[in-house]
Amino acid sequence: MTMRRFGGKVALVAAAVVLAAACTSGDDSASDSTDAGTTPGSSAPVATGPAPGVTDDTIKIGITYTDAAALQAVGLDYEFGDMEAAYQALADDINEDGGIHGRQLELVFAPIDPTSPTPAEEKCVQLTEDEDVFIVAGFFLADAVICPVATHETAVEGGEMTPERLEQAAAPWVTGTPDSDLPVAALRAFAEQGEMDGNVAVFVNARDQAVLDNQVLPTLEELGVEPVEVGVVDAPAGDQPALAANVRTIAERFEAADADTVVLVGLSGQDWPANMADDPLTVPSCSSSTSRPVGRSA
């Protein structure tokens, strides 16, 4: 899809449950080992007892989700419904079916204000230290995932996985979000479909600068596409007015460069539709993080 005019929850808990099943399945027999932490005749470590957040009867799972009220307070009209009820319904269904290895799931909720890094850090400490959960699943903004999976060595489901963050991980980490290979595949697919034939501009937040430099720009060069503009948002994540102004300024630059196609880089590409939704003439064409259109044509 090209831009005709310019200028103008459940799945997360399920994945956590899979990890919980894998990491608790060996608890009952571990004590039979002749040497704690190894099997007879082997130096390979094995489970020696329940993991943090796991008792004989329960598995405690921390759930983070975006606090819609925090977004609304800064002028973003988001409504996600009752997130806690949705997660709890799935957990109840699993529990009614016997739980995981006979253990019932116990959810601990931690809504996250994405406009400031402080609440995420506080909720991370709450879940990993105060609640001592087995795994944290749900919403993580950029480097916030490092707090549980690296600093507090707690398993995580979710978050934006990059090679740099993965190298720091000190606990199991699974995620359904795109990895660093997807932008390359998406751009090549768009090129094959003829979506990159016009004047291409690239939009990215500074937190995805590495994806821009290491994947997107080299791939565009390989495809023979020279962007007419590259816009990098550098406004503080917690300053919504500054973020909106930054995005609008970049949009004006794209318009002046006669861009007719905008490539949104990484998950931070959501800053574009979120801040340009009220402009009827400005519609993004594609996203390298999703390999599909993220908006409608105007």
Protein backbone atom coordinates (compact mmCIF):
# COMPACT_ATOMS: atom_id res chain seq x y z
CA MET A 1 0.00 0.00 0.00
CA THR A 2 1.36 3.44 -0.88
CA MET A 3 0.47 6.80 0.50
CA ARG A 4 -1.70 8.63 -2.03
CA ARG A 5 -1.36 11.99 -0.34
CA PHE A 6 1.15 13.14 2.25
CA GLY A 7 1.17 16.08 4.62
CA GLY A 8 -2.25 16.21 5.23
CA LYS A 9 -3.32 -10.93 26.24
CA VAL A 10 -4.01 -13.72 26.60
CA ALA A 11 -1.35 -15.17 24.35
CA LEU A 12 1.29 -13.77 26.70
CA VAL A 13 -0.03 -15.76 29.65
CA ALA A 14 -0.19 -18.87 27.50
CA ALA A 15 3.49 -18.53 26.61
CA ALA A 16 4.34 -17.95 30.26
CA VAL A 17 2.47 -21.11 31.13
CA VAL A 18 4.53 -23.11 28.62
CA LEU A 19 7.72 -21.91 30.28
CA ALA A 20 6.30 -22.61 33.73
CA ALA A 21 5.45 -26.17 32.69
CA ALA A 22 8.95 -26.74 31.35
CA CYS A 23 10.69 -25.30 34.38
CA THR A 24 8.66 -27.06 37.08
CA SER A 25 8.22 -30.51 35.55
CA GLY A 26 11.33 -31.97 37.16
CA ASP A 27 10.82 -30.71 40.71
CA ASP A 28 9.36 -33.84 42.27
CA SER A 29 12.21 -36.17 41.30
CA ALA A 30 15.12 -33.81 41.75
CA SER A 31 15.69 -34.75 45.38
CA ASP A 32 16.54 -38.35 44.34
CA SER A 33 19.88 -37.21 42.90
CA THR A 34 22.94 -38.47 44.79
CA ASP A 35 24.58 -35.08 44.37
CA ALA A 36 22.40 -32.00 44.62
CA GLY A 37 22.26 -30.27 41.27
CA THR A 38 23.55 -33.26 39.24
CA THR A 39 22.33 -36.66 38.13
CA PRO A 40 24.28 -39.79 39.06
CA GLY A 41 27.31 -40.15 36.80
CA SER A 42 26.72 -36.79 35.18
CA SER A 43 27.94 -33.26 35.78
CA ALA A 44 24.94 -31.68 34.01
CA PRO A 45 22.84 -29.53 36.36
CA VAL A 46 19.21 -30.49 36.96
CA ALA A 47 16.34 -28.93 38.88
CA THR A 48 16.85 -29.17 42.64
CA GLY A 49 13.49 -27.83 43.76
CA PRO A 50 10.76 -25.33 42.97
CA ALA A 51 11.81 -22.12 41.29
CA PRO A 52 11.09 -18.67 42.76
CA GLY A 53 7.37 -18.07 42.87
CA VAL A 54 6.60 -21.79 42.78
CA THR A 55 5.21 -23.75 45.72
CA ASP A 56 3.75 -27.23 45.92
CA ASP A 57 0.36 -25.74 45.07
CA THR A 58 0.86 -22.52 43.10
CA ILE A 59 2.87 -20.73 40.42
CA LYS A 60 3.00 -16.96 40.81
CA ILE A 61 3.09 -15.00 37.52
CA GLY A 62 3.60 -11.25 37.28
CA ILE A 63 1.53 -9.52 34.61
CA THR A 64 2.46 -6.07 33.31
CA TYR A 65 0.16 -4.13 31.02
CA THR A 66 -0.19 -0.60 29.69
CA ASP A 67 -2.05 1.73 32.05
CA ALA A 68 -4.63 3.37 29.77
CA ALA A 69 -5.38 6.02 32.42
CA ALA A 70 -1.76 7.20 32.29
CA LEU A 71 -1.98 7.64 28.51
CA GLN A 72 -5.30 9.44 28.75
CA ALA A 73 -3.78 11.82 31.29
CA VAL A 74 -1.33 13.08 28.64
CA GLY A 75 -3.95 13.40 25.91
CA LEU A 76 -3.81 9.97 24.23
CA ASP A 77 -7.31 8.53 23.99
CA TYR A 78 -6.60 4.82 24.45
CA GLU A 79 -8.98 2.28 25.93
CA PHE A 80 -7.85 -1.35 26.21
CA GLY A 81 -10.79 -2.79 28.11
CA ASP A 82 -10.42 -4.73 31.35
CA MET A 83 -6.94 -6.18 30.93
CA GLU A 84 -6.85 -7.85 34.33
CA ALA A 85 -10.17 -9.59 33.72
CA ALA A 86 -8.91 -10.92 30.37
CA TYR A 87 -5.74 -12.36 31.88
CA GLN A 88 -7.58 -13.74 34.89
CA ALA A 89 -10.15 -15.48 32.70
CA LEU A 90 -7.41 -17.47 30.97
CA ALA A 91 -5.71 -18.31 34.24
CA ASP A 92 -9.04 -19.45 35.71
CA ASP A 93 -9.63 -21.69 32.71
CA ILE A 94 -6.21 -23.29 33.13
CA ASN A 95 -6.72 -23.68 36.86
CA GLU A 96 -10.11 -25.34 36.38
CA ASP A 97 -8.40 -27.86 34.12
CA GLY A 98 -5.91 -28.80 36.82
CA GLY A 99 -3.37 -26.01 36.50
CA ILE A 100 0.26 -26.77 35.61
CA HIS A 101 1.53 -30.05 37.09
CA GLY A 102 -1.17 -29.73 39.71
CA ARG A 103 -0.21 -26.17 40.61
CA GLN A 104 -2.70 -23.31 40.35
CA LEU A 105 -1.72 -20.09 38.58
CA GLU A 106 -1.68 -17.02 40.79
CA LEU A 107 -1.53 -13.73 38.87
CA VAL A 108 -0.01 -10.54 40.28
CA PHE A 109 -0.91 -7.45 38.23
CA ALA A 110 1.29 -4.41 37.67
CA PRO A 111 -0.09 -1.71 35.34
CA ILE A 112 2.71 0.31 33.71
CA ASP A 113 2.71 4.04 32.95
CA PRO A 114 4.61 4.16 29.62
CA THR A 115 5.13 7.93 29.75
CA SER A 116 7.90 7.61 32.37
CA PRO A 117 10.61 5.00 33.05
CA THR A 118 10.19 5.28 36.83
CA PRO A 119 6.93 3.29 37.20
CA ALA A 120 8.33 0.40 35.17
CA GLU A 121 11.36 0.16 37.46
CA GLU A 122 9.13 0.29 40.54
CA LYS A 123 6.82 -2.44 39.25
CA CYS A 124 9.82 -4.57 38.31
CA VAL A 125 11.12 -4.43 41.88
CA GLN A 126 7.62 -5.12 43.23
CA LEU A 127 7.19 -8.24 41.11
CA THR A 128 10.69 -9.67 41.39
CA GLU A 129 11.57 -8.81 45.00
CA ASP A 130 8.36 -8.21 46.94
CA GLU A 131 6.22 -10.80 45.15
CA ASP A 132 9.09 -13.06 44.06
CA VAL A 133 7.22 -14.18 40.93
CA PHE A 134 8.31 -17.10 38.79
CA ILE A 135 8.00 -15.14 35.54
CA VAL A 136 7.00 -11.65 34.41
CA ALA A 137 4.83 -11.52 31.28
CA GLY A 138 3.24 -8.71 29.34
CA PHE A 139 4.26 -5.15 28.46
CA PHE A 140 7.86 -3.91 28.46
CA LEU A 141 8.92 -0.65 26.82
CA ALA A 142 12.38 -0.75 25.23
CA ASP A 143 15.10 -1.39 27.86
CA ALA A 144 12.60 -1.91 30.69
CA VAL A 145 12.83 -5.66 30.08
CA ILE A 146 16.45 -5.61 31.33
CA CYS A 147 15.29 -5.00 34.90
CA PRO A 148 13.60 -8.38 35.40
CA VAL A 149 15.51 -10.61 32.97
CA ALA A 150 19.02 -9.31 33.75
CA THR A 151 19.15 -7.27 36.97
CA HIS A 152 16.76 -9.53 38.92
CA GLU A 153 17.39 -12.77 36.99
CA THR A 154 13.68 -13.45 36.59
CA ALA A 155 12.20 -15.21 33.56
CA VAL A 156 10.37 -12.98 31.10
CA GLU A 157 7.77 -13.39 28.36
CA GLY A 158 7.50 -10.34 26.13
CA GLY A 159 9.58 -7.29 25.34
CA GLU A 160 11.65 -6.19 22.36
CA MET A 161 14.51 -8.66 21.98
CA THR A 162 17.72 -7.30 20.49
CA PRO A 163 21.14 -8.95 20.39
CA GLU A 164 22.42 -6.40 22.92
CA ARG A 165 19.60 -7.04 25.39
CA LEU A 166 19.71 -10.80 24.88
CA GLU A 167 23.41 -10.81 25.75
CA GLN A 168 22.56 -9.30 29.15
CA ALA A 169 19.75 -11.76 29.94
CA ALA A 170 20.47 -13.86 33.01
CA ALA A 171 17.18 -15.81 33.00
CA PRO A 172 15.00 -17.52 30.38
CA TRP A 173 13.42 -15.05 27.94
CA VAL A 174 10.84 -15.70 25.24
CA THR A 175 8.96 -13.14 23.19
CA GLY A 176 6.50 -12.96 20.33
CA THR A 177 7.68 -9.54 19.15
CA PRO A 178 9.74 -9.15 15.95
CA ASP A 179 13.46 -9.72 16.18
CA SER A 180 16.21 -7.95 14.25
CA ASP A 181 15.78 -10.22 11.20
CA LEU A 182 12.24 -9.10 10.42
CA PRO A 183 12.95 -5.56 9.15
CA VAL A 184 15.22 -6.96 6.44
CA ALA A 185 12.66 -9.56 5.34
CA ALA A 186 9.85 -7.00 5.40
CA LEU A 187 11.73 -4.43 3.32
CA ARG A 188 12.62 -7.02 0.71
CA ALA A 189 9.01 -8.15 0.53
CA PHE A 190 7.83 -4.56 0.09
CA ALA A 191 10.37 -4.03 -2.68
CA GLU A 192 9.18 -7.16 -4.50
CA GLN A 193 5.61 -5.83 -4.30
CA GLY A 194 6.66 -2.48 -5.78
CA GLU A 195 5.92 -0.61 -2.57
CA MET A 196 9.36 1.04 -2.51
CA ASP A 197 9.22 2.57 -5.99
CA GLY A 198 8.30 6.11 -4.95
CA ASN A 199 9.99 8.69 -2.74
CA VAL A 200 10.71 6.78 0.45
CA ALA A 201 11.10 8.39 3.86
CA VAL A 202 12.09 6.51 7.01
CA PHE A 203 10.66 7.15 10.48
CA VAL A 204 12.19 5.81 13.71
CA ASN A 205 12.51 6.60 17.39
CA ALA A 206 16.02 7.00 18.76
CA ARG A 207 15.58 3.85 20.85
CA ASP A 208 15.52 1.85 17.57
CA GLN A 209 18.57 3.61 16.13
CA ALA A 210 20.53 0.35 16.02
CA VAL A 211 17.84 -1.32 13.91
CA LEU A 212 17.91 1.67 11.56
CA ASP A 213 21.70 1.67 11.23
CA ASN A 214 22.33 -2.07 11.16
CA GLN A 215 19.32 -3.47 9.30
CA VAL A 216 17.11 -0.89 7.61
CA LEU A 217 19.54 1.50 5.91
CA PRO A 218 21.91 -1.23 4.65
CA THR A 219 18.94 -3.16 3.24
CA LEU A 220 17.55 -0.09 1.51
CA GLU A 221 20.97 0.52 -0.03
CA GLU A 222 21.07 -3.10 -1.20
CA LEU A 223 17.65 -2.62 -2.80
CA GLY A 224 18.77 0.55 -4.54
CA VAL A 225 16.46 2.74 -2.47
CA GLU A 226 17.84 6.07 -1.28
CA PRO A 227 15.52 7.65 1.31
CA VAL A 228 14.60 11.26 0.61
CA GLU A 229 14.49 11.84 4.37
CA VAL A 230 15.20 9.97 7.61
CA GLY A 231 13.36 11.23 10.68
CA VAL A 232 14.61 10.21 14.13
CA VAL A 233 12.44 11.09 17.13
CA ASP A 234 14.62 12.14 20.05
CA ALA A 235 12.02 13.56 22.44
CA PRO A 236 12.02 12.07 25.97
CA ALA A 237 9.66 9.09 26.23
CA GLY A 238 7.79 10.67 29.13
CA ASP A 239 7.23 14.06 27.46
CA GLN A 240 4.15 13.51 25.29
CA PRO A 241 3.81 17.12 24.07
CA ALA A 242 7.47 17.14 23.01
CA LEU A 243 7.04 13.76 21.31
CA ALA A 244 4.01 14.96 19.36
CA ALA A 245 5.81 18.14 18.30
CA ASN A 246 8.85 16.11 17.24
CA VAL A 247 6.73 13.81 15.07
CA ARG A 248 4.94 16.76 13.43
CA THR A 249 8.26 18.42 12.61
CA ILE A 250 9.48 15.23 10.98
CA ALA A 251 6.21 15.00 9.02
CA GLU A 252 6.76 18.50 7.67
CA ARG A 253 10.26 17.50 6.54
CA PHE A 254 8.84 14.44 4.78
CA GLU A 255 6.26 16.61 3.02
CA ALA A 256 8.92 19.11 1.90
CA ALA A 257 10.93 16.20 0.46
CA ASP A 258 7.86 14.99 -1.53
CA ALA A 259 7.82 11.63 0.27
CA ASP A 260 4.96 9.40 -0.79
CA THR A 261 5.92 6.28 1.19
CA VAL A 262 6.91 6.14 4.85
CA VAL A 263 8.73 3.17 6.34
CA LEU A 264 8.11 2.86 10.08
CA VAL A 265 11.05 1.19 11.81
CA GLY A 266 10.67 -1.18 14.74
CA LEU A 267 8.01 -1.10 17.43
CA SER A 268 8.78 2.58 17.98
CA GLY A 269 7.15 3.19 14.60
CA GLN A 270 3.87 3.31 16.51
CA ASP A 271 4.79 6.87 17.48
CA TRP A 272 3.83 7.93 13.95
CA PRO A 273 0.18 6.77 13.80
CA ALA A 274 -0.32 7.62 17.46
CA ASN A 275 0.61 11.25 16.89
CA MET A 276 -0.64 11.72 13.32
CA ALA A 277 -4.06 10.09 13.72
CA ASP A 278 -5.85 13.46 13.68
CA ASP A 279 -4.27 14.47 10.36
CA PRO A 280 -6.58 13.23 7.57
CA LEU A 281 -3.95 13.75 4.90
CA THR A 282 -1.11 11.83 6.51
CA VAL A 283 -1.24 8.06 6.47
CA PRO A 284 1.68 5.67 6.94
CA SER A 285 2.19 3.06 4.25
CA CYS A 286 4.14 0.27 5.84
CA SER A 287 6.14 -0.87 8.85
CA SER A 288 9.38 -2.79 8.84
CA SER A 289 8.41 -4.23 12.21
CA THR A 290 5.17 -5.85 11.07
CA SER A 291 5.61 -6.46 7.32
CA ARG A 292 2.12 -5.16 6.65
CA PRO A 293 0.34 -1.79 6.33
CA VAL A 294 -0.29 -0.08 9.65
CA GLY A 295 -2.77 2.48 8.41
CA ARG A 296 -5.30 3.19 5.69
CA SER A 297 -4.75 5.24 2.53
CA ALA A 298 -6.09 8.75 2.44
